[in-house]
């Protein structure tokens, strides 16, 4: 599944222009327009990738019983 990364230029709650990045439809914050750079975009994407990989790694560590490995509880 590919992650969807979109940007929206909008005014924040203070009425100032900002860039609002969205990952899979979830807003990751409002960054003042003057502070938005390609490096900031790369950082946001990379943080998402790291979080995704960590979640996948942890899920792979969960071991479910295979056939015949059931413990009988009395």
PDB file of N, CA and C in Angstrom:
ATOM      1  N   UNK A   1       0.847  -1.182   0.000  1.00  0.00           N
ATOM      2  CA  UNK A   1       0.000   0.000   0.000  1.00  0.00           C
ATOM      3  C   UNK A   1       0.890   1.242   0.000  1.00  0.00           C
ATOM      4  N   UNK A   2       0.644   2.127  -0.908  1.00  0.00           N
ATOM      5  CA  UNK A   2       1.408   3.370  -0.965  1.00  0.00           C
ATOM      6  C   UNK A   2       0.750   4.410  -0.065  1.00  0.00           C
ATOM      7  N   UNK A   3       1.578   5.143   0.647  1.00  0.00           N
ATOM      8  CA  UNK A   3       1.072   6.231   1.476  1.00  0.00           C
ATOM      9  C   UNK A   3       0.796   7.441   0.592  1.00  0.00           C
ATOM     10  N   UNK A   4      -0.265   8.134   0.900  1.00  0.00           N
ATOM     11  CA  UNK A   4      -0.624   9.327   0.137  1.00  0.00           C
ATOM     12  C   UNK A   4      -0.167  10.561   0.919  1.00  0.00           C
ATOM     13  N   UNK A   5       0.693  11.348   0.302  1.00  0.00           N
ATOM     14  CA  UNK A   5       1.235  12.563   0.910  1.00  0.00           C
ATOM     15  C   UNK A   5       0.724  13.749   0.116  1.00  0.00           C
ATOM     16  N   UNK A   6      -0.078  14.601   0.751  1.00  0.00           N
ATOM     17  CA  UNK A   6      -0.614  15.775   0.068  1.00  0.00           C
ATOM     18  C   UNK A   6      -0.348  17.017   0.902  1.00  0.00           C
ATOM     19  N   UNK A   7      -0.341  18.142   0.224  1.00  0.00           N
ATOM     20  CA  UNK A   7      -0.117  19.423   0.881  1.00  0.00           C
ATOM     21  C   UNK A   7      -1.301  20.335   0.601  1.00  0.00           C
ATOM     22  N   UNK A   8      -1.645  21.112   1.600  1.00  0.00           N
ATOM     23  CA  UNK A   8      -2.732  22.081   1.442  1.00  0.00           C
ATOM     24  C   UNK A   8      -2.259  23.425   1.984  1.00  0.00           C
ATOM     25  N   UNK A   9      -2.384  24.458   1.167  1.00  0.00           N
ATOM     26  CA  UNK A   9      -2.068  25.817   1.629  1.00  0.00           C
ATOM     27  C   UNK A   9      -3.358  26.392   2.198  1.00  0.00           C
ATOM     28  N   UNK A  10      -3.306  26.792   3.450  1.00  0.00           N
ATOM     29  CA  UNK A  10      -4.515  27.318   4.096  1.00  0.00           C
ATOM     30  C   UNK A  10      -4.122  28.270   5.217  1.00  0.00           C
ATOM     31  N   UNK A  11      -5.123  28.911   5.760  1.00  0.00           N
ATOM     32  CA  UNK A  11      -4.885  29.782   6.916  1.00  0.00           C
ATOM     33  C   UNK A  11      -5.055  28.960   8.193  1.00  0.00           C
ATOM     34  N   UNK A  12      -4.174  29.230   9.164  1.00  0.00           N
ATOM     35  CA  UNK A  12      -4.298  28.526  10.437  1.00  0.00           C
ATOM     36  C   UNK A  12      -5.325  29.241  11.326  1.00  0.00           C
ATOM     37  N   UNK A  13      -5.456  28.805  12.563  1.00  0.00           N
ATOM     38  CA  UNK A  13      -6.453  29.390  13.460  1.00  0.00           C
ATOM     39  C   UNK A  13      -6.195  30.868  13.760  1.00  0.00           C
ATOM     40  N   UNK A  14      -4.943  31.306  13.590  1.00  0.00           N
ATOM     41  CA  UNK A  14      -4.600  32.718  13.797  1.00  0.00           C
ATOM     42  C   UNK A  14      -4.759  33.539  12.519  1.00  0.00           C
ATOM     43  N   UNK A  15      -5.202  32.903  11.446  1.00  0.00           N
ATOM     44  CA  UNK A  15      -5.404  33.603  10.185  1.00  0.00           C
ATOM     45  C   UNK A  15      -4.156  33.765   9.336  1.00  0.00           C
ATOM     46  N   UNK A  16      -3.056  33.122   9.730  1.00  0.00           N
ATOM     47  CA  UNK A  16      -1.808  33.216   8.982  1.00  0.00           C
ATOM     48  C   UNK A  16      -1.711  32.058   7.990  1.00  0.00           C
ATOM     49  N   UNK A  17      -1.098  32.331   6.838  1.00  0.00           N
ATOM     50  CA  UNK A  17      -0.947  31.290   5.834  1.00  0.00           C
ATOM     51  C   UNK A  17       0.023  30.220   6.321  1.00  0.00           C
ATOM     52  N   UNK A  18      -0.325  28.991   6.032  1.00  0.00           N
ATOM     53  CA  UNK A  18       0.527  27.872   6.425  1.00  0.00           C
ATOM     54  C   UNK A  18       0.425  26.780   5.367  1.00  0.00           C
ATOM     55  N   UNK A  19       1.296  25.817   5.507  1.00  0.00           N
ATOM     56  CA  UNK A  19       1.249  24.606   4.692  1.00  0.00           C
ATOM     57  C   UNK A  19       0.839  23.479   5.635  1.00  0.00           C
ATOM     58  N   UNK A  20      -0.215  22.772   5.249  1.00  0.00           N
ATOM     59  CA  UNK A  20      -0.713  21.660   6.058  1.00  0.00           C
ATOM     60  C   UNK A  20      -0.448  20.359   5.312  1.00  0.00           C
ATOM     61  N   UNK A  21       0.545  19.588   5.758  1.00  0.00           N
ATOM     62  CA  UNK A  21       0.798  18.295   5.130  1.00  0.00           C
ATOM     63  C   UNK A  21      -0.177  17.240   5.661  1.00  0.00           C
ATOM     64  N   UNK A  22      -0.617  16.373   4.768  1.00  0.00           N
ATOM     65  CA  UNK A  22      -1.515  15.280   5.131  1.00  0.00           C
ATOM     66  C   UNK A  22      -0.885  13.969   4.680  1.00  0.00           C
ATOM     67  N   UNK A  23      -0.930  12.960   5.546  1.00  0.00           N
ATOM     68  CA  UNK A  23      -0.497  11.616   5.195  1.00  0.00           C
ATOM     69  C   UNK A  23      -1.715  10.719   5.354  1.00  0.00           C
ATOM     70  N   UNK A  24      -2.113  10.107   4.247  1.00  0.00           N
ATOM     71  CA  UNK A  24      -3.306   9.255   4.215  1.00  0.00           C
ATOM     72  C   UNK A  24      -4.525   9.964   4.798  1.00  0.00           C
ATOM     73  N   UNK A  25      -4.642  11.249   4.514  1.00  0.00           N
ATOM     74  CA  UNK A  25      -5.799  12.016   4.951  1.00  0.00           C
ATOM     75  C   UNK A  25      -5.693  12.594   6.346  1.00  0.00           C
ATOM     76  N   UNK A  26      -4.627  12.284   7.081  1.00  0.00           N
ATOM     77  CA  UNK A  26      -4.455  12.802   8.446  1.00  0.00           C
ATOM     78  C   UNK A  26      -3.494  13.991   8.427  1.00  0.00           C
ATOM     79  N   UNK A  27      -3.929  15.087   8.991  1.00  0.00           N
ATOM     80  CA  UNK A  27      -3.100  16.288   9.047  1.00  0.00           C
ATOM     81  C   UNK A  27      -1.984  16.078  10.051  1.00  0.00           C
ATOM     82  N   UNK A  28      -0.761  16.399   9.634  1.00  0.00           N
ATOM     83  CA  UNK A  28       0.388  16.240  10.525  1.00  0.00           C
ATOM     84  C   UNK A  28       0.786  17.541  11.197  1.00  0.00           C
ATOM     85  N   UNK A  29       0.071  18.638  10.896  1.00  0.00           N
ATOM     86  CA  UNK A  29       0.354  19.913  11.540  1.00  0.00           C
ATOM     87  C   UNK A  29       0.252  21.057  10.551  1.00  0.00           C
ATOM     88  N   UNK A  30       0.292  22.250  11.070  1.00  0.00           N
ATOM     89  CA  UNK A  30       0.288  23.456  10.247  1.00  0.00           C
ATOM     90  C   UNK A  30       1.650  24.125  10.385  1.00  0.00           C
ATOM     91  N   UNK A  31       2.375  24.202   9.286  1.00  0.00           N
ATOM     92  CA  UNK A  31       3.714  24.768   9.306  1.00  0.00           C
ATOM     93  C   UNK A  31       3.660  26.143   8.641  1.00  0.00           C
ATOM     94  N   UNK A  32       4.128  27.174   9.340  1.00  0.00           N
ATOM     95  CA  UNK A  32       4.103  28.513   8.738  1.00  0.00           C
ATOM     96  C   UNK A  32       4.730  28.489   7.342  1.00  0.00           C
ATOM     97  N   UNK A  33       4.088  29.174   6.422  1.00  0.00           N
ATOM     98  CA  UNK A  33       4.528  29.155   5.028  1.00  0.00           C
ATOM     99  C   UNK A  33       5.998  29.553   4.876  1.00  0.00           C
ATOM    100  N   UNK A  34       6.444  30.523   5.658  1.00  0.00           N
ATOM    101  CA  UNK A  34       7.835  30.985   5.527  1.00  0.00           C
ATOM    102  C   UNK A  34       8.837  29.942   6.028  1.00  0.00           C
ATOM    103  N   UNK A  35       8.371  28.962   6.815  1.00  0.00           N
ATOM    104  CA  UNK A  35       9.255  27.917   7.336  1.00  0.00           C
ATOM    105  C   UNK A  35       9.202  26.642   6.508  1.00  0.00           C
ATOM    106  N   UNK A  36       8.285  26.580   5.552  1.00  0.00           N
ATOM    107  CA  UNK A  36       8.143  25.375   4.739  1.00  0.00           C
ATOM    108  C   UNK A  36       9.245  25.310   3.689  1.00  0.00           C
ATOM    109  N   UNK A  37       9.965  24.191   3.677  1.00  0.00           N
ATOM    110  CA  UNK A  37      11.034  23.975   2.700  1.00  0.00           C
ATOM    111  C   UNK A  37      10.960  22.534   2.214  1.00  0.00           C
ATOM    112  N   UNK A  38      11.639  22.224   1.129  1.00  0.00           N
ATOM    113  CA  UNK A  38      11.697  20.827   0.698  1.00  0.00           C
ATOM    114  C   UNK A  38      12.300  19.919   1.776  1.00  0.00           C
ATOM    115  N   UNK A  39      13.228  20.450   2.572  1.00  0.00           N
ATOM    116  CA  UNK A  39      13.825  19.655   3.649  1.00  0.00           C
ATOM    117  C   UNK A  39      12.789  19.293   4.706  1.00  0.00           C
ATOM    118  N   UNK A  40      11.875  20.200   4.994  1.00  0.00           N
ATOM    119  CA  UNK A  40      10.810  19.920   5.956  1.00  0.00           C
ATOM    120  C   UNK A  40       9.909  18.812   5.397  1.00  0.00           C
ATOM    121  N   UNK A  41       9.581  18.881   4.128  1.00  0.00           N
ATOM    122  CA  UNK A  41       8.753  17.849   3.499  1.00  0.00           C
ATOM    123  C   UNK A  41       9.442  16.489   3.575  1.00  0.00           C
ATOM    124  N   UNK A  42      10.747  16.451   3.287  1.00  0.00           N
ATOM    125  CA  UNK A  42      11.490  15.184   3.367  1.00  0.00           C
ATOM    126  C   UNK A  42      11.506  14.653   4.789  1.00  0.00           C
ATOM    127  N   UNK A  43      11.642  15.528   5.785  1.00  0.00           N
ATOM    128  CA  UNK A  43      11.652  15.100   7.186  1.00  0.00           C
ATOM    129  C   UNK A  43      10.317  14.477   7.587  1.00  0.00           C
ATOM    130  N   UNK A  44       9.226  15.090   7.159  1.00  0.00           N
ATOM    131  CA  UNK A  44       7.898  14.558   7.486  1.00  0.00           C
ATOM    132  C   UNK A  44       7.715  13.185   6.849  1.00  0.00           C
ATOM    133  N   UNK A  45       8.079  13.071   5.576  1.00  0.00           N
ATOM    134  CA  UNK A  45       7.957  11.773   4.895  1.00  0.00           C
ATOM    135  C   UNK A  45       8.823  10.716   5.557  1.00  0.00           C
ATOM    136  N   UNK A  46      10.042  11.082   5.897  1.00  0.00           N
ATOM    137  CA  UNK A  46      10.967  10.113   6.506  1.00  0.00           C
ATOM    138  C   UNK A  46      10.479   9.682   7.886  1.00  0.00           C
ATOM    139  N   UNK A  47       9.952  10.605   8.665  1.00  0.00           N
ATOM    140  CA  UNK A  47       9.415  10.246   9.988  1.00  0.00           C
ATOM    141  C   UNK A  47       8.272   9.254   9.841  1.00  0.00           C
ATOM    142  N   UNK A  48       7.417   9.452   8.840  1.00  0.00           N
ATOM    143  CA  UNK A  48       6.331   8.512   8.600  1.00  0.00           C
ATOM    144  C   UNK A  48       6.891   7.142   8.228  1.00  0.00           C
ATOM    145  N   UNK A  49       7.877   7.109   7.337  1.00  0.00           N
ATOM    146  CA  UNK A  49       8.468   5.842   6.929  1.00  0.00           C
ATOM    147  C   UNK A  49       9.086   5.103   8.110  1.00  0.00           C
ATOM    148  N   UNK A  50       9.784   5.829   8.971  1.00  0.00           N
ATOM    149  CA  UNK A  50      10.401   5.201  10.146  1.00  0.00           C
ATOM    150  C   UNK A  50       9.325   4.619  11.053  1.00  0.00           C
ATOM    151  N   UNK A  51       8.266   5.382  11.296  1.00  0.00           N
ATOM    152  CA  UNK A  51       7.176   4.886  12.133  1.00  0.00           C
ATOM    153  C   UNK A  51       6.515   3.662  11.540  1.00  0.00           C
ATOM    154  N   UNK A  52       6.300   3.674  10.227  1.00  0.00           N
ATOM    155  CA  UNK A  52       5.699   2.534   9.544  1.00  0.00           C
ATOM    156  C   UNK A  52       6.579   1.294   9.672  1.00  0.00           C
ATOM    157  N   UNK A  53       7.865   1.456   9.392  1.00  0.00           N
ATOM    158  CA  UNK A  53       8.792   0.316   9.481  1.00  0.00           C
ATOM    159  C   UNK A  53       8.880  -0.228  10.902  1.00  0.00           C
ATOM    160  N   UNK A  54       8.878   0.646  11.889  1.00  0.00           N
ATOM    161  CA  UNK A  54       8.937   0.198  13.286  1.00  0.00           C
ATOM    162  C   UNK A  54       7.670  -0.568  13.650  1.00  0.00           C
ATOM    163  N   UNK A  55       6.512  -0.072  13.231  1.00  0.00           N
ATOM    164  CA  UNK A  55       5.257  -0.781  13.510  1.00  0.00           C
ATOM    165  C   UNK A  55       5.264  -2.151  12.841  1.00  0.00           C
ATOM    166  N   UNK A  56       5.726  -2.220  11.589  1.00  0.00           N
ATOM    167  CA  UNK A  56       5.776  -3.508  10.898  1.00  0.00           C
ATOM    168  C   UNK A  56       6.736  -4.466  11.591  1.00  0.00           C
ATOM    169  N   UNK A  57       7.888  -3.966  12.017  1.00  0.00           N
ATOM    170  CA  UNK A  57       8.869  -4.818  12.704  1.00  0.00           C
ATOM    171  C   UNK A  57       8.269  -5.390  13.988  1.00  0.00           C
ATOM    172  N   UNK A  58       7.584  -4.537  14.750  1.00  0.00           N
ATOM    173  CA  UNK A  58       7.001  -5.002  16.010  1.00  0.00           C
ATOM    174  C   UNK A  58       5.886  -6.016  15.773  1.00  0.00           C
ATOM    175  N   UNK A  59       5.100  -5.811  14.724  1.00  0.00           N
ATOM    176  CA  UNK A  59       4.038  -6.772  14.433  1.00  0.00           C
ATOM    177  C   UNK A  59       4.613  -8.116  14.011  1.00  0.00           C
ATOM    178  N   UNK A  60       5.737  -8.104  13.310  1.00  0.00           N
ATOM    179  CA  UNK A  60       6.363  -9.356  12.892  1.00  0.00           C
ATOM    180  C   UNK A  60       6.942 -10.109  14.086  1.00  0.00           C
ATOM    181  N   UNK A  61       7.242  -9.398  15.176  1.00  0.00           N
ATOM    182  CA  UNK A  61       7.765 -10.049  16.374  1.00  0.00           C
ATOM    183  C   UNK A  61       6.676 -10.823  17.123  1.00  0.00           C
ATOM    184  N   UNK A  62       5.421 -10.463  16.875  1.00  0.00           N
ATOM    185  CA  UNK A  62       4.319 -11.171  17.530  1.00  0.00           C
ATOM    186  C   UNK A  62       4.202 -12.534  16.863  1.00  0.00           C
ATOM    187  N   UNK A  63       4.297 -13.568  17.651  1.00  0.00           N
ATOM    188  CA  UNK A  63       4.269 -14.923  17.093  1.00  0.00           C
ATOM    189  C   UNK A  63       2.960 -15.582  17.445  1.00  0.00           C
ATOM    190  N   UNK A  64       2.240 -15.974  16.451  1.00  0.00           N
ATOM    191  CA  UNK A  64       0.999 -16.692  16.703  1.00  0.00           C
ATOM    192  C   UNK A  64       1.287 -18.185  16.670  1.00  0.00           C
ATOM    193  N   UNK A  65       0.528 -18.957  17.436  1.00  0.00           N
ATOM    194  CA  UNK A  65       0.781 -20.403  17.456  1.00  0.00           C
ATOM    195  C   UNK A  65       0.538 -21.018  16.075  1.00  0.00           C
ATOM    196  N   UNK A  66       1.415 -21.932  15.724  1.00  0.00           N
ATOM    197  CA  UNK A  66       1.216 -22.668  14.488  1.00  0.00           C
ATOM    198  C   UNK A  66       0.406 -23.921  14.805  1.00  0.00           C
ATOM    199  N   UNK A  67      -0.029 -24.626  13.786  1.00  0.00           N
ATOM    200  CA  UNK A  67      -0.818 -25.846  13.994  1.00  0.00           C
ATOM    201  C   UNK A  67      -0.100 -26.785  14.956  1.00  0.00           C
ATOM    202  N   UNK A  68      -0.847 -27.272  15.945  1.00  0.00           N
ATOM    203  CA  UNK A  68      -0.286 -28.252  16.873  1.00  0.00           C
ATOM    204  C   UNK A  68       0.489 -27.646  18.030  1.00  0.00           C
ATOM    205  N   UNK A  69       0.565 -26.354  18.152  1.00  0.00           N
ATOM    206  CA  UNK A  69       1.309 -25.726  19.238  1.00  0.00           C
ATOM    207  C   UNK A  69       0.381 -25.149  20.302  1.00  0.00           C
ATOM    208  N   UNK A  70      -0.783 -25.734  20.463  1.00  0.00           N
ATOM    209  CA  UNK A  70      -1.762 -25.198  21.416  1.00  0.00           C
ATOM    210  C   UNK A  70      -1.494 -25.749  22.804  1.00  0.00           C
ATOM    211  N   UNK A  71      -1.623 -24.883  23.790  1.00  0.00           N
ATOM    212  CA  UNK A  71      -1.460 -25.282  25.189  1.00  0.00           C
ATOM    213  C   UNK A  71      -2.827 -25.615  25.750  1.00  0.00           C
ATOM    214  N   UNK A  72      -2.914 -26.796  26.373  1.00  0.00           N
ATOM    215  CA  UNK A  72      -4.191 -27.222  26.959  1.00  0.00           C
ATOM    216  C   UNK A  72      -4.304 -26.653  28.370  1.00  0.00           C
ATOM    217  N   UNK A  73      -5.372 -25.938  28.632  1.00  0.00           N
ATOM    218  CA  UNK A  73      -5.603 -25.325  29.942  1.00  0.00           C
ATOM    219  C   UNK A  73      -6.692 -26.125  30.629  1.00  0.00           C
ATOM    220  N   UNK A  74      -6.411 -26.571  31.867  1.00  0.00           N
ATOM    221  CA  UNK A  74      -7.392 -27.370  32.619  1.00  0.00           C
ATOM    222  C   UNK A  74      -8.037 -26.567  33.691  1.00  0.00           C
TER     223      UNK A  74
END
